[in-house]
Amino acid sequence: MDRDVENRGAVTVTVLGTGTMGSAIAANLCRAGFATTVWDRTPAMARSLEVLGATVAARPVDAVAAADVVITMLPDANAVTSVMDGQGTLDAFPRGAAWIQMGTIGLRATEHLSTLTAARRPDVRFVDAPVSGSKGPAQRGELLILASGPLGLEAELAPLFQCLGQRTIWLGEAGRGTRLKLVLNTWLAFLMEGLAETMALADELGITHAELLDGLEGGPLAAPAAIAKLHKIDARDYGHEFALAWAAKDVELALNAVRNSFPALTAIAEQWQRAVDEGYGELDVSAARLALGQPSDRVHVA
């Protein structure tokens, strides 16, 4: 084992939440040589990481008891608050530990947890660090990490972040990472609903997906993320990389963070919530195309 891996092994990291993103994060930590403990409310999900060397804890308070760094990647604000506050997990942190909150839980919840940590455990460093990227980038360690929190942590956390992401942006005080994440999620929402409606229009007008792709590739409109989803829709592959239900949640979080009206984003939120209610929520966000209905046999011309 090289010296760098030995040093990593001396840092104990706990991951609370081993769903799609959390399991990928924990797996990459194990492969990079970090001593890793995991917990999930569904024990079987956490136990799948034992083969990589992760220690599985029965309770979150046990998972964090000896941790230098705790990462939360839980589904939503209620889950994070329940685990950290309701179950007393924050109180079980060792002195000087860093809490890296990586799930997308919204601005109000992030600010509440930052304030709670400062009041109850001022010796714990709270880092707001949501990630941009879906299942594939998470598995490959290619996430974009949007970090914000106390000064002086960049160098300390750099080895950990380097094995999880291709890039880390430090943005200042806690909460600014979440603010940028909400803005990026809004960009994604417009991109995905725009793609879904563009493909629906092409289907109605008798333009094949190959012709649409040919018209986009090599030009300024060919956003790589949209092209990848175009191929996914064309293949009728809706296995989720980023579930539509979570995308709908993130759009609502963006709207809840602001006072001004955003009519187009509100329309997407309403459309995606209808799609979730109709049973598309567990599919990939590209299932926004399915929610628009099946292609018509008729070609509409002016």
C-alpha atoms as a PDB file:
ATOM      1  CA  MET A   1       0.000   0.000   0.000  1.00  0.00           C
ATOM      2  CA  ASP A   2       1.425   3.383  -0.942  1.00  0.00           C
ATOM      3  CA  ARG A   3       1.884   6.208   1.553  1.00  0.00           C
ATOM      4  CA  ASP A   4      -1.106   8.178   0.227  1.00  0.00           C
ATOM      5  CA  VAL A   5      -3.469   5.228   0.737  1.00  0.00           C
ATOM      6  CA  GLU A   6      -2.053   4.677   4.239  1.00  0.00           C
ATOM      7  CA  ASN A   7      -2.817   8.295   5.102  1.00  0.00           C
ATOM      8  CA  ARG A   8      -6.322   7.937   3.745  1.00  0.00           C
ATOM      9  CA  GLY A   9      -6.854   4.820   5.831  1.00  0.00           C
ATOM     10  CA  ALA A  10      -6.155   6.909   8.932  1.00  0.00           C
ATOM     11  CA  VAL A  11      -9.162   9.111   8.106  1.00  0.00           C
ATOM     12  CA  THR A  12     -12.457   7.514   9.089  1.00  0.00           C
ATOM     13  CA  VAL A  13     -15.431   8.435   6.924  1.00  0.00           C
ATOM     14  CA  THR A  14     -19.077   7.589   7.526  1.00  0.00           C
ATOM     15  CA  VAL A  15     -21.719   7.664   4.798  1.00  0.00           C
ATOM     16  CA  LEU A  16     -25.325   7.883   5.974  1.00  0.00           C
ATOM     17  CA  GLY A  17     -27.627   6.854   3.132  1.00  0.00           C
ATOM     18  CA  THR A  18     -26.537   4.231   0.607  1.00  0.00           C
ATOM     19  CA  GLY A  19     -29.055   4.635  -2.183  1.00  0.00           C
ATOM     20  CA  THR A  20     -27.997   5.212  -5.778  1.00  0.00           C
ATOM     21  CA  MET A  21     -25.684   8.131  -5.021  1.00  0.00           C
ATOM     22  CA  GLY A  22     -24.626   7.247  -1.492  1.00  0.00           C
ATOM     23  CA  SER A  23     -23.585   3.706  -2.414  1.00  0.00           C
ATOM     24  CA  ALA A  24     -21.464   5.024  -5.299  1.00  0.00           C
ATOM     25  CA  ILE A  25     -19.810   7.553  -2.975  1.00  0.00           C
ATOM     26  CA  ALA A  26     -19.108   4.923  -0.325  1.00  0.00           C
ATOM     27  CA  ALA A  27     -17.744   2.492  -2.919  1.00  0.00           C
ATOM     28  CA  ASN A  28     -15.317   5.089  -4.258  1.00  0.00           C
ATOM     29  CA  LEU A  29     -14.161   5.934  -0.729  1.00  0.00           C
ATOM     30  CA  CYS A  30     -13.457   2.256  -0.057  1.00  0.00           C
ATOM     31  CA  ARG A  31     -11.563   1.846  -3.323  1.00  0.00           C
ATOM     32  CA  ALA A  32      -9.508   4.944  -2.552  1.00  0.00           C
ATOM     33  CA  GLY A  33      -8.371   3.496   0.762  1.00  0.00           C
ATOM     34  CA  PHE A  34     -10.504   5.456   3.226  1.00  0.00           C
ATOM     35  CA  ALA A  35     -11.710   3.598   6.311  1.00  0.00           C
ATOM     36  CA  THR A  36     -15.443   3.724   5.570  1.00  0.00           C
ATOM     37  CA  THR A  37     -18.506   3.016   7.696  1.00  0.00           C
ATOM     38  CA  VAL A  38     -21.981   2.988   6.167  1.00  0.00           C
ATOM     39  CA  TRP A  39     -25.552   3.046   7.397  1.00  0.00           C
ATOM     40  CA  ASP A  40     -28.899   2.944   5.643  1.00  0.00           C
ATOM     41  CA  ARG A  41     -32.454   2.576   6.912  1.00  0.00           C
ATOM     42  CA  THR A  42     -32.630  -0.424   4.531  1.00  0.00           C
ATOM     43  CA  PRO A  43     -29.812  -2.606   5.954  1.00  0.00           C
ATOM     44  CA  ALA A  44     -29.437  -4.757   2.834  1.00  0.00           C
ATOM     45  CA  MET A  45     -28.405  -1.701   0.815  1.00  0.00           C
ATOM     46  CA  ALA A  46     -25.603  -0.930   3.245  1.00  0.00           C
ATOM     47  CA  ARG A  47     -24.494  -4.567   3.508  1.00  0.00           C
ATOM     48  CA  SER A  48     -23.851  -4.699  -0.241  1.00  0.00           C
ATOM     49  CA  LEU A  49     -20.784  -2.530   0.423  1.00  0.00           C
ATOM     50  CA  GLU A  50     -19.157  -4.981   2.825  1.00  0.00           C
ATOM     51  CA  VAL A  51     -17.431  -6.757  -0.056  1.00  0.00           C
ATOM     52  CA  LEU A  52     -15.480  -3.532  -0.695  1.00  0.00           C
ATOM     53  CA  GLY A  53     -14.375  -3.319   2.925  1.00  0.00           C
ATOM     54  CA  ALA A  54     -17.012  -1.011   4.365  1.00  0.00           C
ATOM     55  CA  THR A  55     -18.109  -1.478   7.971  1.00  0.00           C
ATOM     56  CA  VAL A  56     -21.896  -1.600   8.331  1.00  0.00           C
ATOM     57  CA  ALA A  57     -23.422   0.068  11.380  1.00  0.00           C
ATOM     58  CA  ALA A  58     -26.783  -0.894  12.836  1.00  0.00           C
ATOM     59  CA  ARG A  59     -27.690   2.668  13.870  1.00  0.00           C
ATOM     60  CA  PRO A  60     -26.624   6.106  12.620  1.00  0.00           C
ATOM     61  CA  VAL A  61     -25.378   7.071  16.090  1.00  0.00           C
ATOM     62  CA  ASP A  62     -23.064   4.049  16.004  1.00  0.00           C
ATOM     63  CA  ALA A  63     -21.937   4.892  12.477  1.00  0.00           C
ATOM     64  CA  VAL A  64     -20.677   8.372  13.396  1.00  0.00           C
ATOM     65  CA  ALA A  65     -19.199   7.634  16.826  1.00  0.00           C
ATOM     66  CA  ALA A  66     -15.586   7.453  15.608  1.00  0.00           C
ATOM     67  CA  ALA A  67     -15.853   9.393  12.341  1.00  0.00           C
ATOM     68  CA  ASP A  68     -13.554  12.198  11.258  1.00  0.00           C
ATOM     69  CA  VAL A  69     -15.908  13.001   8.395  1.00  0.00           C
ATOM     70  CA  VAL A  70     -19.626  12.243   8.080  1.00  0.00           C
ATOM     71  CA  ILE A  71     -21.357  12.427   4.696  1.00  0.00           C
ATOM     72  CA  THR A  72     -25.141  12.546   4.519  1.00  0.00           C
ATOM     73  CA  MET A  73     -26.716  11.475   1.236  1.00  0.00           C
ATOM     74  CA  LEU A  74     -30.319  10.995   2.342  1.00  0.00           C
ATOM     75  CA  PRO A  75     -33.490  11.416   0.223  1.00  0.00           C
ATOM     76  CA  ASP A  76     -34.812  14.742   1.489  1.00  0.00           C
ATOM     77  CA  ALA A  77     -34.777  17.353   4.247  1.00  0.00           C
ATOM     78  CA  ASN A  78     -37.126  15.389   6.496  1.00  0.00           C
ATOM     79  CA  ALA A  79     -34.887  12.326   6.363  1.00  0.00           C
ATOM     80  CA  VAL A  80     -31.750  14.328   7.166  1.00  0.00           C
ATOM     81  CA  THR A  81     -33.435  16.174  10.026  1.00  0.00           C
ATOM     82  CA  SER A  82     -34.900  12.965  11.435  1.00  0.00           C
ATOM     83  CA  VAL A  83     -31.568  11.146  11.421  1.00  0.00           C
ATOM     84  CA  MET A  84     -29.354  13.980  12.586  1.00  0.00           C
ATOM     85  CA  ASP A  85     -31.649  15.741  15.055  1.00  0.00           C
ATOM     86  CA  GLY A  86     -34.534  13.412  15.872  1.00  0.00           C
ATOM     87  CA  GLN A  87     -32.337  10.336  16.374  1.00  0.00           C
ATOM     88  CA  GLY A  88     -29.581  12.247  18.165  1.00  0.00           C
ATOM     89  CA  THR A  89     -26.901  11.492  15.583  1.00  0.00           C
ATOM     90  CA  LEU A  90     -25.446  15.012  15.611  1.00  0.00           C
ATOM     91  CA  ASP A  91     -24.897  14.692  19.355  1.00  0.00           C
ATOM     92  CA  ALA A  92     -22.857  11.525  18.763  1.00  0.00           C
ATOM     93  CA  PHE A  93     -20.261  13.196  16.516  1.00  0.00           C
ATOM     94  CA  PRO A  94     -16.683  13.263  17.857  1.00  0.00           C
ATOM     95  CA  ARG A  95     -15.287  16.709  18.625  1.00  0.00           C
ATOM     96  CA  GLY A  96     -13.839  18.390  15.546  1.00  0.00           C
ATOM     97  CA  ALA A  97     -15.585  16.149  13.033  1.00  0.00           C
ATOM     98  CA  ALA A  98     -16.727  17.530   9.690  1.00  0.00           C
ATOM     99  CA  TRP A  99     -20.318  16.996   8.550  1.00  0.00           C
ATOM    100  CA  ILE A 100     -20.593  17.121   4.755  1.00  0.00           C
ATOM    101  CA  GLN A 101     -24.231  17.423   3.701  1.00  0.00           C
ATOM    102  CA  MET A 102     -24.232  16.234   0.065  1.00  0.00           C
ATOM    103  CA  GLY A 103     -27.902  15.531  -0.654  1.00  0.00           C
ATOM    104  CA  THR A 104     -30.126  18.117  -2.312  1.00  0.00           C
ATOM    105  CA  ILE A 105     -32.478  19.221   0.462  1.00  0.00           C
ATOM    106  CA  GLY A 106     -33.192  22.863  -0.370  1.00  0.00           C
ATOM    107  CA  LEU A 107     -32.046  26.203   0.966  1.00  0.00           C
ATOM    108  CA  ARG A 108     -34.279  26.509   4.035  1.00  0.00           C
ATOM    109  CA  ALA A 109     -33.362  23.070   5.341  1.00  0.00           C
ATOM    110  CA  THR A 110     -29.664  23.655   4.687  1.00  0.00           C
ATOM    111  CA  GLU A 111     -29.710  26.948   6.574  1.00  0.00           C
ATOM    112  CA  HIS A 112     -31.651  25.335   9.428  1.00  0.00           C
ATOM    113  CA  LEU A 113     -29.142  22.490   9.759  1.00  0.00           C
ATOM    114  CA  SER A 114     -26.206  24.893   9.602  1.00  0.00           C
ATOM    115  CA  THR A 115     -27.760  26.970  12.402  1.00  0.00           C
ATOM    116  CA  LEU A 116     -28.605  23.856  14.413  1.00  0.00           C
ATOM    117  CA  THR A 117     -25.029  22.610  14.174  1.00  0.00           C
ATOM    118  CA  ALA A 118     -23.581  25.955  15.217  1.00  0.00           C
ATOM    119  CA  ALA A 119     -25.897  26.146  18.225  1.00  0.00           C
ATOM    120  CA  ARG A 120     -25.706  22.551  19.457  1.00  0.00           C
ATOM    121  CA  ARG A 121     -22.284  21.407  18.239  1.00  0.00           C
ATOM    122  CA  PRO A 122     -20.065  24.416  17.515  1.00  0.00           C
ATOM    123  CA  ASP A 123     -17.083  22.060  17.488  1.00  0.00           C
ATOM    124  CA  VAL A 124     -18.481  20.280  14.380  1.00  0.00           C
ATOM    125  CA  ARG A 125     -17.689  21.822  10.965  1.00  0.00           C
ATOM    126  CA  PHE A 126     -20.826  21.897   8.802  1.00  0.00           C
ATOM    127  CA  VAL A 127     -20.131  21.761   5.056  1.00  0.00           C
ATOM    128  CA  ASP A 128     -22.923  22.293   2.537  1.00  0.00           C
ATOM    129  CA  ALA A 129     -21.691  20.324  -0.488  1.00  0.00           C
ATOM    130  CA  PRO A 130     -24.429  19.088  -2.828  1.00  0.00           C
ATOM    131  CA  VAL A 131     -23.275  17.383  -5.986  1.00  0.00           C
ATOM    132  CA  SER A 132     -24.141  17.824  -9.629  1.00  0.00           C
ATOM    133  CA  GLY A 133     -24.226  14.577 -11.554  1.00  0.00           C
ATOM    134  CA  SER A 134     -26.240  11.384 -11.755  1.00  0.00           C
ATOM    135  CA  LYS A 135     -25.634   7.646 -11.261  1.00  0.00           C
ATOM    136  CA  GLY A 136     -22.928   7.176 -13.913  1.00  0.00           C
ATOM    137  CA  PRO A 137     -20.726  10.116 -12.878  1.00  0.00           C
ATOM    138  CA  ALA A 138     -21.155   9.143  -9.222  1.00  0.00           C
ATOM    139  CA  GLN A 139     -19.954   5.605  -9.917  1.00  0.00           C
ATOM    140  CA  ARG A 140     -16.988   6.891 -11.943  1.00  0.00           C
ATOM    141  CA  GLY A 141     -16.015   9.518  -9.362  1.00  0.00           C
ATOM    142  CA  GLU A 142     -16.810  12.319 -11.804  1.00  0.00           C
ATOM    143  CA  LEU A 143     -19.274  14.425  -9.807  1.00  0.00           C
ATOM    144  CA  LEU A 144     -19.139  18.208  -9.585  1.00  0.00           C
ATOM    145  CA  ILE A 145     -18.983  19.073  -5.882  1.00  0.00           C
ATOM    146  CA  LEU A 146     -20.441  22.443  -4.881  1.00  0.00           C
ATOM    147  CA  ALA A 147     -18.813  23.037  -1.508  1.00  0.00           C
ATOM    148  CA  SER A 148     -19.467  25.809   0.970  1.00  0.00           C
ATOM    149  CA  GLY A 149     -18.656  26.122   4.645  1.00  0.00           C
ATOM    150  CA  PRO A 150     -15.982  27.183   7.134  1.00  0.00           C
ATOM    151  CA  LEU A 151     -12.744  28.620   5.834  1.00  0.00           C
ATOM    152  CA  GLY A 152      -9.676  26.419   5.817  1.00  0.00           C
ATOM    153  CA  LEU A 153     -11.282  23.113   4.935  1.00  0.00           C
ATOM    154  CA  GLU A 154     -10.328  23.055   1.257  1.00  0.00           C
ATOM    155  CA  ALA A 155      -6.960  21.376   1.744  1.00  0.00           C
ATOM    156  CA  GLU A 156      -8.208  19.026   4.474  1.00  0.00           C
ATOM    157  CA  LEU A 157     -11.091  17.712   2.367  1.00  0.00           C
ATOM    158  CA  ALA A 158      -9.324  17.788  -1.006  1.00  0.00           C
ATOM    159  CA  PRO A 159      -8.152  14.113  -0.948  1.00  0.00           C
ATOM    160  CA  LEU A 160     -11.673  12.943  -0.148  1.00  0.00           C
ATOM    161  CA  PHE A 161     -13.350  15.146  -2.744  1.00  0.00           C
ATOM    162  CA  GLN A 162     -10.799  14.163  -5.384  1.00  0.00           C
ATOM    163  CA  CYS A 163     -11.915  10.529  -5.235  1.00  0.00           C
ATOM    164  CA  LEU A 164     -15.595  11.498  -5.509  1.00  0.00           C
ATOM    165  CA  GLY A 165     -15.565  14.217  -8.139  1.00  0.00           C
ATOM    166  CA  GLN A 166     -13.740  15.513 -11.150  1.00  0.00           C
ATOM    167  CA  ARG A 167     -13.989  19.069  -9.801  1.00  0.00           C
ATOM    168  CA  THR A 168     -14.836  20.907  -6.581  1.00  0.00           C
ATOM    169  CA  ILE A 169     -16.013  24.508  -6.498  1.00  0.00           C
ATOM    170  CA  TRP A 170     -15.690  26.300  -3.143  1.00  0.00           C
ATOM    171  CA  LEU A 171     -18.300  29.042  -2.855  1.00  0.00           C
ATOM    172  CA  GLY A 172     -17.944  30.650   0.564  1.00  0.00           C
ATOM    173  CA  GLU A 173     -20.266  30.307   3.555  1.00  0.00           C
ATOM    174  CA  ALA A 174     -22.546  27.303   4.001  1.00  0.00           C
ATOM    175  CA  GLY A 175     -25.679  27.585   1.888  1.00  0.00           C
ATOM    176  CA  ARG A 176     -24.025  28.929  -1.235  1.00  0.00           C
ATOM    177  CA  GLY A 177     -23.376  25.402  -2.503  1.00  0.00           C
ATOM    178  CA  THR A 178     -27.098  24.690  -2.316  1.00  0.00           C
ATOM    179  CA  ARG A 179     -27.911  27.988  -4.025  1.00  0.00           C
ATOM    180  CA  LEU A 180     -25.765  27.084  -7.032  1.00  0.00           C
ATOM    181  CA  LYS A 181     -27.177  23.537  -7.042  1.00  0.00           C
ATOM    182  CA  LEU A 182     -30.717  24.904  -7.299  1.00  0.00           C
ATOM    183  CA  VAL A 183     -29.683  27.116 -10.218  1.00  0.00           C
ATOM    184  CA  LEU A 184     -28.012  24.191 -12.002  1.00  0.00           C
ATOM    185  CA  ASN A 185     -31.059  22.002 -11.372  1.00  0.00           C
ATOM    186  CA  THR A 186     -33.218  24.662 -13.003  1.00  0.00           C
ATOM    187  CA  TRP A 187     -30.975  24.594 -16.069  1.00  0.00           C
ATOM    188  CA  LEU A 188     -31.360  20.804 -16.144  1.00  0.00           C
ATOM    189  CA  ALA A 189     -35.153  21.038 -15.830  1.00  0.00           C
ATOM    190  CA  PHE A 190     -35.449  23.350 -18.821  1.00  0.00           C
ATOM    191  CA  LEU A 191     -33.054  21.162 -20.800  1.00  0.00           C
ATOM    192  CA  MET A 192     -34.953  17.937 -20.056  1.00  0.00           C
ATOM    193  CA  GLU A 193     -38.487  19.257 -20.567  1.00  0.00           C
ATOM    194  CA  GLY A 194     -37.318  21.105 -23.676  1.00  0.00           C
ATOM    195  CA  LEU A 195     -35.870  17.863 -25.037  1.00  0.00           C
ATOM    196  CA  ALA A 196     -39.045  15.932 -24.201  1.00  0.00           C
ATOM    197  CA  GLU A 197     -41.290  18.444 -25.943  1.00  0.00           C
ATOM    198  CA  THR A 198     -38.922  18.809 -28.893  1.00  0.00           C
ATOM    199  CA  MET A 199     -38.964  15.044 -29.450  1.00  0.00           C
ATOM    200  CA  ALA A 200     -42.751  14.985 -29.078  1.00  0.00           C
ATOM    201  CA  LEU A 201     -43.013  17.727 -31.700  1.00  0.00           C
ATOM    202  CA  ALA A 202     -40.658  15.843 -34.016  1.00  0.00           C
ATOM    203  CA  ASP A 203     -42.802  12.731 -33.639  1.00  0.00           C
ATOM    204  CA  GLU A 204     -45.945  14.702 -34.458  1.00  0.00           C
ATOM    205  CA  LEU A 205     -44.355  16.272 -37.529  1.00  0.00           C
ATOM    206  CA  GLY A 206     -42.882  13.041 -38.839  1.00  0.00           C
ATOM    207  CA  ILE A 207     -39.247  13.964 -38.204  1.00  0.00           C
ATOM    208  CA  THR A 208     -37.315  10.852 -37.203  1.00  0.00           C
ATOM    209  CA  HIS A 209     -35.050  10.847 -34.187  1.00  0.00           C
ATOM    210  CA  ALA A 210     -32.097  10.182 -36.508  1.00  0.00           C
ATOM    211  CA  GLU A 211     -32.967  13.294 -38.506  1.00  0.00           C
ATOM    212  CA  LEU A 212     -33.304  15.358 -35.333  1.00  0.00           C
ATOM    213  CA  LEU A 213     -29.935  14.115 -34.118  1.00  0.00           C
ATOM    214  CA  ASP A 214     -28.339  14.816 -37.496  1.00  0.00           C
ATOM    215  CA  GLY A 215     -29.627  18.374 -37.319  1.00  0.00           C
ATOM    216  CA  LEU A 216     -28.176  18.890 -33.851  1.00  0.00           C
ATOM    217  CA  GLU A 217     -24.806  17.160 -33.932  1.00  0.00           C
ATOM    218  CA  GLY A 218     -21.801  19.343 -34.528  1.00  0.00           C
ATOM    219  CA  GLY A 219     -23.796  22.530 -34.045  1.00  0.00           C
ATOM    220  CA  PRO A 220     -24.160  25.019 -31.184  1.00  0.00           C
ATOM    221  CA  LEU A 221     -27.455  23.471 -30.010  1.00  0.00           C
ATOM    222  CA  ALA A 222     -25.927  20.044 -29.329  1.00  0.00           C
ATOM    223  CA  ALA A 223     -25.754  20.082 -25.521  1.00  0.00           C
ATOM    224  CA  PRO A 224     -24.026  16.790 -24.534  1.00  0.00           C
ATOM    225  CA  ALA A 225     -26.494  16.036 -21.720  1.00  0.00           C
ATOM    226  CA  ALA A 226     -29.468  16.507 -24.046  1.00  0.00           C
ATOM    227  CA  ILE A 227     -27.901  14.374 -26.788  1.00  0.00           C
ATOM    228  CA  ALA A 228     -27.270  11.567 -24.278  1.00  0.00           C
ATOM    229  CA  LYS A 229     -30.905  11.679 -23.162  1.00  0.00           C
ATOM    230  CA  LEU A 230     -32.074  11.823 -26.786  1.00  0.00           C
ATOM    231  CA  HIS A 231     -30.313   8.503 -27.387  1.00  0.00           C
ATOM    232  CA  LYS A 232     -31.843   7.108 -24.187  1.00  0.00           C
ATOM    233  CA  ILE A 233     -35.378   8.087 -25.236  1.00  0.00           C
ATOM    234  CA  ASP A 234     -34.812   6.763 -28.763  1.00  0.00           C
ATOM    235  CA  ALA A 235     -33.789   3.401 -27.284  1.00  0.00           C
ATOM    236  CA  ARG A 236     -36.858   3.454 -24.999  1.00  0.00           C
ATOM    237  CA  ASP A 237     -34.476   3.024 -22.083  1.00  0.00           C
ATOM    238  CA  TYR A 238     -35.981   4.735 -19.057  1.00  0.00           C
ATOM    239  CA  GLY A 239     -33.922   3.002 -16.386  1.00  0.00           C
ATOM    240  CA  HIS A 240     -33.154   5.798 -13.991  1.00  0.00           C
ATOM    241  CA  GLU A 241     -29.844   7.563 -13.767  1.00  0.00           C
ATOM    242  CA  PHE A 242     -31.668  10.448 -12.100  1.00  0.00           C
ATOM    243  CA  ALA A 243     -35.274   9.615 -11.245  1.00  0.00           C
ATOM    244  CA  LEU A 244     -38.053  11.907 -12.453  1.00  0.00           C
ATOM    245  CA  ALA A 245     -39.498  12.025  -8.920  1.00  0.00           C
ATOM    246  CA  TRP A 246     -36.220  13.461  -7.591  1.00  0.00           C
ATOM    247  CA  ALA A 247     -36.013  15.909 -10.482  1.00  0.00           C
ATOM    248  CA  ALA A 248     -39.551  17.095  -9.694  1.00  0.00           C
ATOM    249  CA  LYS A 249     -38.581  17.494  -6.030  1.00  0.00           C
ATOM    250  CA  ASP A 250     -35.552  19.581  -6.982  1.00  0.00           C
ATOM    251  CA  VAL A 251     -37.637  21.932  -9.140  1.00  0.00           C
ATOM    252  CA  GLU A 252     -39.983  22.500  -6.197  1.00  0.00           C
ATOM    253  CA  LEU A 253     -36.989  23.218  -3.958  1.00  0.00           C
ATOM    254  CA  ALA A 254     -35.819  25.888  -6.396  1.00  0.00           C
ATOM    255  CA  LEU A 255     -39.254  27.519  -6.484  1.00  0.00           C
ATOM    256  CA  ASN A 256     -39.535  27.382  -2.684  1.00  0.00           C
ATOM    257  CA  ALA A 257     -36.223  29.214  -2.311  1.00  0.00           C
ATOM    258  CA  VAL A 258     -37.332  32.390  -4.086  1.00  0.00           C
ATOM    259  CA  ARG A 259     -40.035  35.047  -3.774  1.00  0.00           C
ATOM    260  CA  ASN A 260     -40.346  36.073  -7.415  1.00  0.00           C
ATOM    261  CA  SER A 261     -42.577  34.300  -9.915  1.00  0.00           C
ATOM    262  CA  PHE A 262     -41.014  31.965 -12.480  1.00  0.00           C
ATOM    263  CA  PRO A 263     -43.912  30.961 -14.743  1.00  0.00           C
ATOM    264  CA  ALA A 264     -42.073  28.560 -17.062  1.00  0.00           C
ATOM    265  CA  LEU A 265     -40.376  26.744 -14.182  1.00  0.00           C
ATOM    266  CA  THR A 266     -43.711  26.556 -12.365  1.00  0.00           C
ATOM    267  CA  ALA A 267     -45.243  24.962 -15.450  1.00  0.00           C
ATOM    268  CA  ILE A 268     -42.486  22.343 -15.513  1.00  0.00           C
ATOM    269  CA  ALA A 269     -43.038  21.640 -11.815  1.00  0.00           C
ATOM    270  CA  GLU A 270     -46.752  21.084 -12.413  1.00  0.00           C
ATOM    271  CA  GLN A 271     -46.150  18.913 -15.487  1.00  0.00           C
ATOM    272  CA  TRP A 272     -43.575  16.750 -13.730  1.00  0.00           C
ATOM    273  CA  GLN A 273     -45.751  16.334 -10.659  1.00  0.00           C
ATOM    274  CA  ARG A 274     -48.545  15.092 -12.915  1.00  0.00           C
ATOM    275  CA  ALA A 275     -46.061  12.661 -14.454  1.00  0.00           C
ATOM    276  CA  VAL A 276     -45.062  11.401 -11.012  1.00  0.00           C
ATOM    277  CA  ASP A 277     -48.736  11.010 -10.057  1.00  0.00           C
ATOM    278  CA  GLU A 278     -49.281   8.994 -13.244  1.00  0.00           C
ATOM    279  CA  GLY A 279     -46.580   6.517 -12.253  1.00  0.00           C
ATOM    280  CA  TYR A 280     -43.473   7.772 -14.067  1.00  0.00           C
ATOM    281  CA  GLY A 281     -41.619   8.934 -10.957  1.00  0.00           C
ATOM    282  CA  GLU A 282     -39.310   5.925 -10.576  1.00  0.00           C
ATOM    283  CA  LEU A 283     -38.187   6.173 -14.197  1.00  0.00           C
ATOM    284  CA  ASP A 284     -35.376   8.372 -15.466  1.00  0.00           C
ATOM    285  CA  VAL A 285     -36.013  12.102 -15.865  1.00  0.00           C
ATOM    286  CA  SER A 286     -36.093  11.427 -19.615  1.00  0.00           C
ATOM    287  CA  ALA A 287     -39.497   9.831 -18.962  1.00  0.00           C
ATOM    288  CA  ALA A 288     -40.772  13.403 -19.202  1.00  0.00           C
ATOM    289  CA  ARG A 289     -41.229  12.391 -22.856  1.00  0.00           C
ATOM    290  CA  LEU A 290     -43.543   9.506 -21.888  1.00  0.00           C
ATOM    291  CA  ALA A 291     -45.653  11.886 -19.825  1.00  0.00           C
ATOM    292  CA  LEU A 292     -46.481  13.818 -23.002  1.00  0.00           C
ATOM    293  CA  GLY A 293     -48.241  10.810 -24.497  1.00  0.00           C
ATOM    294  CA  GLN A 294     -47.484   8.440 -27.342  1.00  0.00           C
ATOM    295  CA  PRO A 295     -46.539   9.750 -30.794  1.00  0.00           C
ATOM    296  CA  SER A 296     -49.505  10.352 -33.063  1.00  0.00           C
ATOM    297  CA  ASP A 297     -49.845   8.348 -36.278  1.00  0.00           C
ATOM    298  CA  ARG A 298     -50.782  11.554 -38.016  1.00  0.00           C
ATOM    299  CA  VAL A 299     -48.318  14.083 -39.338  1.00  0.00           C
ATOM    300  CA  HIS A 300     -49.477  17.637 -38.752  1.00  0.00           C
ATOM    301  CA  VAL A 301     -48.597  20.116 -41.498  1.00  0.00           C
ATOM    302  CA  ALA A 302     -49.480  23.755 -41.873  1.00  0.00           C
END
